[in-house]
C-alpha atoms as a PDB file:
ATOM      1  CA  UNK A   1      51.597  -7.198 -64.380  1.00  0.00           C
ATOM      2  CA  UNK A   2      52.544  -8.014 -60.417  1.00  0.00           C
ATOM      3  CA  UNK A   3      55.364  -6.704 -58.531  1.00  0.00           C
ATOM      4  CA  UNK A   4      57.147  -9.649 -58.698  1.00  0.00           C
ATOM      5  CA  UNK A   5      56.789 -10.215 -62.391  1.00  0.00           C
ATOM      6  CA  UNK A   6      57.818  -6.617 -62.373  1.00  0.00           C
ATOM      7  CA  UNK A   7      61.391  -7.333 -60.227  1.00  0.00           C
ATOM      8  CA  UNK A   8      61.782 -10.517 -62.062  1.00  0.00           C
ATOM      9  CA  UNK A   9      61.547  -8.698 -65.735  1.00  0.00           C
ATOM     10  CA  UNK A  10      64.143  -5.937 -64.204  1.00  0.00           C
ATOM     11  CA  UNK A  11      66.382  -8.664 -62.753  1.00  0.00           C
ATOM     12  CA  UNK A  12      65.948 -10.526 -66.753  1.00  0.00           C
ATOM     13  CA  UNK A  13      66.689  -6.867 -68.195  1.00  0.00           C
ATOM     14  CA  UNK A  14      69.625  -6.515 -66.235  1.00  0.00           C
ATOM     15  CA  UNK A  15      71.115  -9.330 -66.557  1.00  0.00           C
ATOM     16  CA  UNK A  16      71.253  -9.727 -69.989  1.00  0.00           C
ATOM     17  CA  UNK A  17      72.590  -5.979 -70.604  1.00  0.00           C
ATOM     18  CA  UNK A  18      75.713  -6.828 -68.165  1.00  0.00           C
ATOM     19  CA  UNK A  19      75.882 -10.182 -69.442  1.00  0.00           C
ATOM     20  CA  UNK A  20      75.867  -8.992 -73.274  1.00  0.00           C
ATOM     21  CA  UNK A  21      78.327  -5.870 -72.827  1.00  0.00           C
ATOM     22  CA  UNK A  22      80.836  -8.743 -71.467  1.00  0.00           C
ATOM     23  CA  UNK A  23      80.633 -10.768 -74.056  1.00  0.00           C
ATOM     24  CA  UNK A  24      80.426  -7.840 -76.950  1.00  0.00           C
ATOM     25  CA  UNK A  25      83.714  -6.629 -75.020  1.00  0.00           C
ATOM     26  CA  UNK A  26      85.509  -9.447 -73.293  1.00  0.00           C
ATOM     27  CA  UNK A  27      84.389 -11.994 -75.022  1.00  0.00           C
ATOM     28  CA  UNK A  28      83.277 -13.012 -71.718  1.00  0.00           C
ATOM     29  CA  UNK A  29      80.118 -13.554 -69.689  1.00  0.00           C
ATOM     30  CA  UNK A  30      81.299 -13.618 -66.183  1.00  0.00           C
ATOM     31  CA  UNK A  31      80.145 -15.435 -62.750  1.00  0.00           C
ATOM     32  CA  UNK A  32      79.937 -12.308 -60.931  1.00  0.00           C
ATOM     33  CA  UNK A  33      76.820 -11.504 -63.377  1.00  0.00           C
ATOM     34  CA  UNK A  34      74.920 -15.160 -63.709  1.00  0.00           C
ATOM     35  CA  UNK A  35      75.507 -16.097 -60.011  1.00  0.00           C
ATOM     36  CA  UNK A  36      74.017 -13.385 -58.293  1.00  0.00           C
ATOM     37  CA  UNK A  37      71.718 -13.222 -60.619  1.00  0.00           C
ATOM     38  CA  UNK A  38      70.406 -16.950 -60.064  1.00  0.00           C
ATOM     39  CA  UNK A  39      70.819 -16.418 -56.442  1.00  0.00           C
ATOM     40  CA  UNK A  40      68.613 -13.541 -56.297  1.00  0.00           C
ATOM     41  CA  UNK A  41      66.070 -15.372 -58.548  1.00  0.00           C
ATOM     42  CA  UNK A  42      66.147 -18.181 -56.217  1.00  0.00           C
ATOM     43  CA  UNK A  43      65.644 -15.863 -53.587  1.00  0.00           C
ATOM     44  CA  UNK A  44      62.415 -14.220 -55.425  1.00  0.00           C
ATOM     45  CA  UNK A  45      60.842 -17.560 -55.976  1.00  0.00           C
ATOM     46  CA  UNK A  46      61.514 -18.558 -52.661  1.00  0.00           C
ATOM     47  CA  UNK A  47      59.780 -15.280 -50.484  1.00  0.00           C
ATOM     48  CA  UNK A  48      57.110 -15.761 -53.459  1.00  0.00           C
ATOM     49  CA  UNK A  49      56.503 -19.341 -53.603  1.00  0.00           C
ATOM     50  CA  UNK A  50      58.596 -20.495 -50.185  1.00  0.00           C
ATOM     51  CA  UNK A  51      60.656 -23.963 -50.887  1.00  0.00           C
ATOM     52  CA  UNK A  52      57.901 -24.704 -53.797  1.00  0.00           C
ATOM     53  CA  UNK A  53      59.283 -21.451 -55.349  1.00  0.00           C
ATOM     54  CA  UNK A  54      62.710 -22.171 -54.444  1.00  0.00           C
ATOM     55  CA  UNK A  55      62.505 -26.052 -56.358  1.00  0.00           C
ATOM     56  CA  UNK A  56      61.243 -24.012 -59.183  1.00  0.00           C
ATOM     57  CA  UNK A  57      64.478 -21.943 -59.499  1.00  0.00           C
ATOM     58  CA  UNK A  58      66.820 -25.062 -58.562  1.00  0.00           C
ATOM     59  CA  UNK A  59      65.017 -27.199 -61.355  1.00  0.00           C
ATOM     60  CA  UNK A  60      65.540 -24.000 -63.963  1.00  0.00           C
ATOM     61  CA  UNK A  61      68.737 -23.529 -62.953  1.00  0.00           C
ATOM     62  CA  UNK A  62      69.547 -26.731 -63.198  1.00  0.00           C
ATOM     63  CA  UNK A  63      68.175 -28.253 -65.953  1.00  0.00           C
ATOM     64  CA  UNK A  64      70.286 -26.359 -68.639  1.00  0.00           C
ATOM     65  CA  UNK A  65      73.017 -26.724 -67.447  1.00  0.00           C
ATOM     66  CA  UNK A  66      72.888 -30.474 -67.365  1.00  0.00           C
ATOM     67  CA  UNK A  67      71.178 -30.139 -71.254  1.00  0.00           C
ATOM     68  CA  UNK A  68      73.428 -27.739 -72.645  1.00  0.00           C
ATOM     69  CA  UNK A  69      77.073 -28.527 -71.048  1.00  0.00           C
ATOM     70  CA  UNK A  70      77.194 -30.915 -74.572  1.00  0.00           C
ATOM     71  CA  UNK A  71      76.486 -27.606 -76.499  1.00  0.00           C
ATOM     72  CA  UNK A  72      80.402 -26.507 -74.620  1.00  0.00           C
ATOM     73  CA  UNK A  73      81.947 -30.161 -75.211  1.00  0.00           C
ATOM     74  CA  UNK A  74      80.934 -30.058 -79.181  1.00  0.00           C
ATOM     75  CA  UNK A  75      82.140 -26.506 -79.128  1.00  0.00           C
ATOM     76  CA  UNK A  76      78.802 -24.712 -80.677  1.00  0.00           C
ATOM     77  CA  UNK A  77      78.018 -22.794 -77.127  1.00  0.00           C
ATOM     78  CA  UNK A  78      80.360 -20.966 -74.497  1.00  0.00           C
ATOM     79  CA  UNK A  79      80.369 -21.722 -70.452  1.00  0.00           C
ATOM     80  CA  UNK A  80      79.193 -18.268 -70.056  1.00  0.00           C
ATOM     81  CA  UNK A  81      76.392 -18.648 -72.626  1.00  0.00           C
ATOM     82  CA  UNK A  82      74.900 -22.035 -70.659  1.00  0.00           C
ATOM     83  CA  UNK A  83      75.265 -20.160 -66.684  1.00  0.00           C
ATOM     84  CA  UNK A  84      73.492 -17.063 -68.403  1.00  0.00           C
ATOM     85  CA  UNK A  85      70.377 -19.518 -69.603  1.00  0.00           C
ATOM     86  CA  UNK A  86      70.629 -21.151 -66.087  1.00  0.00           C
ATOM     87  CA  UNK A  87      70.594 -17.839 -64.440  1.00  0.00           C
ATOM     88  CA  UNK A  88      67.460 -16.971 -66.450  1.00  0.00           C
ATOM     89  CA  UNK A  89      65.941 -20.720 -65.961  1.00  0.00           C
ATOM     90  CA  UNK A  90      66.508 -19.716 -62.118  1.00  0.00           C
ATOM     91  CA  UNK A  91      64.657 -16.647 -62.018  1.00  0.00           C
ATOM     92  CA  UNK A  92      61.813 -17.162 -63.938  1.00  0.00           C
ATOM     93  CA  UNK A  93      61.425 -21.326 -64.338  1.00  0.00           C
ATOM     94  CA  UNK A  94      62.372 -24.139 -66.692  1.00  0.00           C
ATOM     95  CA  UNK A  95      59.577 -23.579 -69.099  1.00  0.00           C
ATOM     96  CA  UNK A  96      60.182 -19.723 -69.730  1.00  0.00           C
ATOM     97  CA  UNK A  97      63.997 -21.185 -69.971  1.00  0.00           C
ATOM     98  CA  UNK A  98      63.523 -23.333 -72.764  1.00  0.00           C
ATOM     99  CA  UNK A  99      61.075 -21.224 -74.798  1.00  0.00           C
ATOM    100  CA  UNK A 100      63.762 -18.341 -74.404  1.00  0.00           C
ATOM    101  CA  UNK A 101      66.169 -21.137 -75.681  1.00  0.00           C
ATOM    102  CA  UNK A 102      64.319 -21.853 -78.325  1.00  0.00           C
ATOM    103  CA  UNK A 103      63.933 -18.333 -79.749  1.00  0.00           C
ATOM    104  CA  UNK A 104      67.722 -17.851 -78.768  1.00  0.00           C
ATOM    105  CA  UNK A 105      68.958 -20.476 -81.511  1.00  0.00           C
ATOM    106  CA  UNK A 106      66.404 -18.763 -84.155  1.00  0.00           C
ATOM    107  CA  UNK A 107      67.354 -15.185 -83.849  1.00  0.00           C
ATOM    108  CA  UNK A 108      70.871 -16.286 -83.347  1.00  0.00           C
ATOM    109  CA  UNK A 109      70.756 -18.834 -86.321  1.00  0.00           C
ATOM    110  CA  UNK A 110      69.217 -15.702 -88.660  1.00  0.00           C
ATOM    111  CA  UNK A 111      72.174 -13.446 -86.999  1.00  0.00           C
ATOM    112  CA  UNK A 112      74.674 -15.994 -88.463  1.00  0.00           C
ATOM    113  CA  UNK A 113      72.730 -16.122 -92.145  1.00  0.00           C
ATOM    114  CA  UNK A 114      73.504 -12.180 -92.094  1.00  0.00           C
ATOM    115  CA  UNK A 115      77.053 -12.740 -90.946  1.00  0.00           C
ATOM    116  CA  UNK A 116      77.780 -15.565 -93.049  1.00  0.00           C
ATOM    117  CA  UNK A 117      76.278 -13.736 -96.735  1.00  0.00           C
ATOM    118  CA  UNK A 118      77.947 -10.084 -95.777  1.00  0.00           C
ATOM    119  CA  UNK A 119      81.308 -12.041 -95.089  1.00  0.00           C
ATOM    120  CA  UNK A 120      80.672 -14.876 -98.423  1.00  0.00           C
ATOM    121  CA  UNK A 121      81.213 -17.113 -96.211  1.00  0.00           C
ATOM    122  CA  UNK A 122      77.987 -19.217 -96.590  1.00  0.00           C
ATOM    123  CA  UNK A 123      78.836 -21.759 -98.593  1.00  0.00           C
ATOM    124  CA  UNK A 124      82.569 -22.497 -97.024  1.00  0.00           C
ATOM    125  CA  UNK A 125      80.677 -22.917 -93.546  1.00  0.00           C
ATOM    126  CA  UNK A 126      78.069 -25.312 -94.889  1.00  0.00           C
ATOM    127  CA  UNK A 127      80.562 -27.238 -96.596  1.00  0.00           C
ATOM    128  CA  UNK A 128      82.558 -27.623 -93.517  1.00  0.00           C
ATOM    129  CA  UNK A 129      78.883 -28.765 -91.194  1.00  0.00           C
ATOM    130  CA  UNK A 130      78.446 -31.464 -94.069  1.00  0.00           C
ATOM    131  CA  UNK A 131      81.855 -32.264 -93.356  1.00  0.00           C
ATOM    132  CA  UNK A 132      81.471 -32.457 -89.750  1.00  0.00           C
ATOM    133  CA  UNK A 133      78.301 -34.279 -89.954  1.00  0.00           C
ATOM    134  CA  UNK A 134      79.418 -36.435 -92.293  1.00  0.00           C
ATOM    135  CA  UNK A 135      81.961 -37.385 -90.159  1.00  0.00           C
ATOM    136  CA  UNK A 136      80.170 -37.964 -87.358  1.00  0.00           C
ATOM    137  CA  UNK A 137      78.159 -40.028 -88.511  1.00  0.00           C
ATOM    138  CA  UNK A 138      79.846 -42.273 -90.203  1.00  0.00           C
ATOM    139  CA  UNK A 139      82.659 -42.459 -87.326  1.00  0.00           C
ATOM    140  CA  UNK A 140      79.459 -42.716 -84.818  1.00  0.00           C
ATOM    141  CA  UNK A 141      81.496 -40.409 -82.709  1.00  0.00           C
ATOM    142  CA  UNK A 142      80.417 -36.701 -81.720  1.00  0.00           C
ATOM    143  CA  UNK A 143      83.720 -34.579 -81.861  1.00  0.00           C
ATOM    144  CA  UNK A 144      84.399 -30.799 -81.587  1.00  0.00           C
ATOM    145  CA  UNK A 145      83.229 -28.259 -84.050  1.00  0.00           C
ATOM    146  CA  UNK A 146      85.462 -25.568 -84.642  1.00  0.00           C
ATOM    147  CA  UNK A 147      88.734 -24.873 -82.845  1.00  0.00           C
ATOM    148  CA  UNK A 148      87.770 -23.465 -79.540  1.00  0.00           C
ATOM    149  CA  UNK A 149      91.111 -21.178 -79.697  1.00  0.00           C
ATOM    150  CA  UNK A 150      89.761 -19.093 -82.761  1.00  0.00           C
ATOM    151  CA  UNK A 151      88.690 -15.702 -81.045  1.00  0.00           C
ATOM    152  CA  UNK A 152      88.109 -13.921 -83.874  1.00  0.00           C
ATOM    153  CA  UNK A 153      85.571 -16.450 -85.516  1.00  0.00           C
ATOM    154  CA  UNK A 154      83.618 -16.073 -82.164  1.00  0.00           C
ATOM    155  CA  UNK A 155      80.124 -15.782 -82.543  1.00  0.00           C
ATOM    156  CA  UNK A 156      78.610 -13.529 -79.866  1.00  0.00           C
ATOM    157  CA  UNK A 157      75.716 -15.578 -78.683  1.00  0.00           C
ATOM    158  CA  UNK A 158      74.532 -12.865 -76.152  1.00  0.00           C
ATOM    159  CA  UNK A 159      73.027 -10.804 -78.871  1.00  0.00           C
ATOM    160  CA  UNK A 160      70.770 -13.421 -79.722  1.00  0.00           C
ATOM    161  CA  UNK A 161      70.037 -14.780 -75.756  1.00  0.00           C
ATOM    162  CA  UNK A 162      68.822 -11.187 -74.973  1.00  0.00           C
ATOM    163  CA  UNK A 163      66.638 -10.932 -77.615  1.00  0.00           C
ATOM    164  CA  UNK A 164      65.486 -14.149 -77.342  1.00  0.00           C
ATOM    165  CA  UNK A 165      64.524 -13.974 -74.060  1.00  0.00           C
ATOM    166  CA  UNK A 166      63.318 -10.355 -74.441  1.00  0.00           C
ATOM    167  CA  UNK A 167      60.536 -12.055 -76.521  1.00  0.00           C
ATOM    168  CA  UNK A 168      59.866 -15.396 -74.425  1.00  0.00           C
ATOM    169  CA  UNK A 169      59.454 -12.193 -71.379  1.00  0.00           C
ATOM    170  CA  UNK A 170      56.943  -9.923 -73.549  1.00  0.00           C
ATOM    171  CA  UNK A 171      54.819 -13.140 -74.185  1.00  0.00           C
ATOM    172  CA  UNK A 172      55.061 -13.765 -70.802  1.00  0.00           C
ATOM    173  CA  UNK A 173      53.796 -10.602 -69.561  1.00  0.00           C
ATOM    174  CA  UNK A 174      51.204 -10.706 -72.205  1.00  0.00           C
ATOM    175  CA  UNK A 175      49.775 -13.867 -71.300  1.00  0.00           C
ATOM    176  CA  UNK A 176      49.910 -12.756 -67.576  1.00  0.00           C
ATOM    177  CA  UNK A 177      48.265  -9.407 -68.635  1.00  0.00           C
ATOM    178  CA  UNK A 178      45.552 -11.437 -70.502  1.00  0.00           C
ATOM    179  CA  UNK A 179      44.578 -13.514 -67.661  1.00  0.00           C
ATOM    180  CA  UNK A 180      44.312 -11.051 -65.073  1.00  0.00           C
END
């Protein structure tokens, strides 16, 4: 593993760890975590690749915000989760954050499934989802899913982002090691 990837890996691990901690204990991923991580990621990429590296970071930061903001408005993802993905994108770039997001969605789905089964809420939640989708298609409008004020039922998505991003990081390191 080269030195730049090592530094990025350490930064990703620290950022994810802090985000998970605060999301669990305060139900919020703080800007004081995501903003410095994004700035450091941009600085690392600027140092490594010059202006191309800075552009790489900016795309990795901006695209997740633009795309994922829709999930915030329909109440299926918190703003902190979006900013965390943006910070990951600023550090590791757009392709990395895309795969990280996909892995996180899969892992989050599995976690949610286990929680719903254990709480015996799976059928109730599936019925709620069915009604939401039916309403959305019949009225041809997208509205919020659930209630933004329900703190007790908030899913800690950082618990899925952490392993999803680490899985992508391991694959990235493995891929680079195979090409060296």
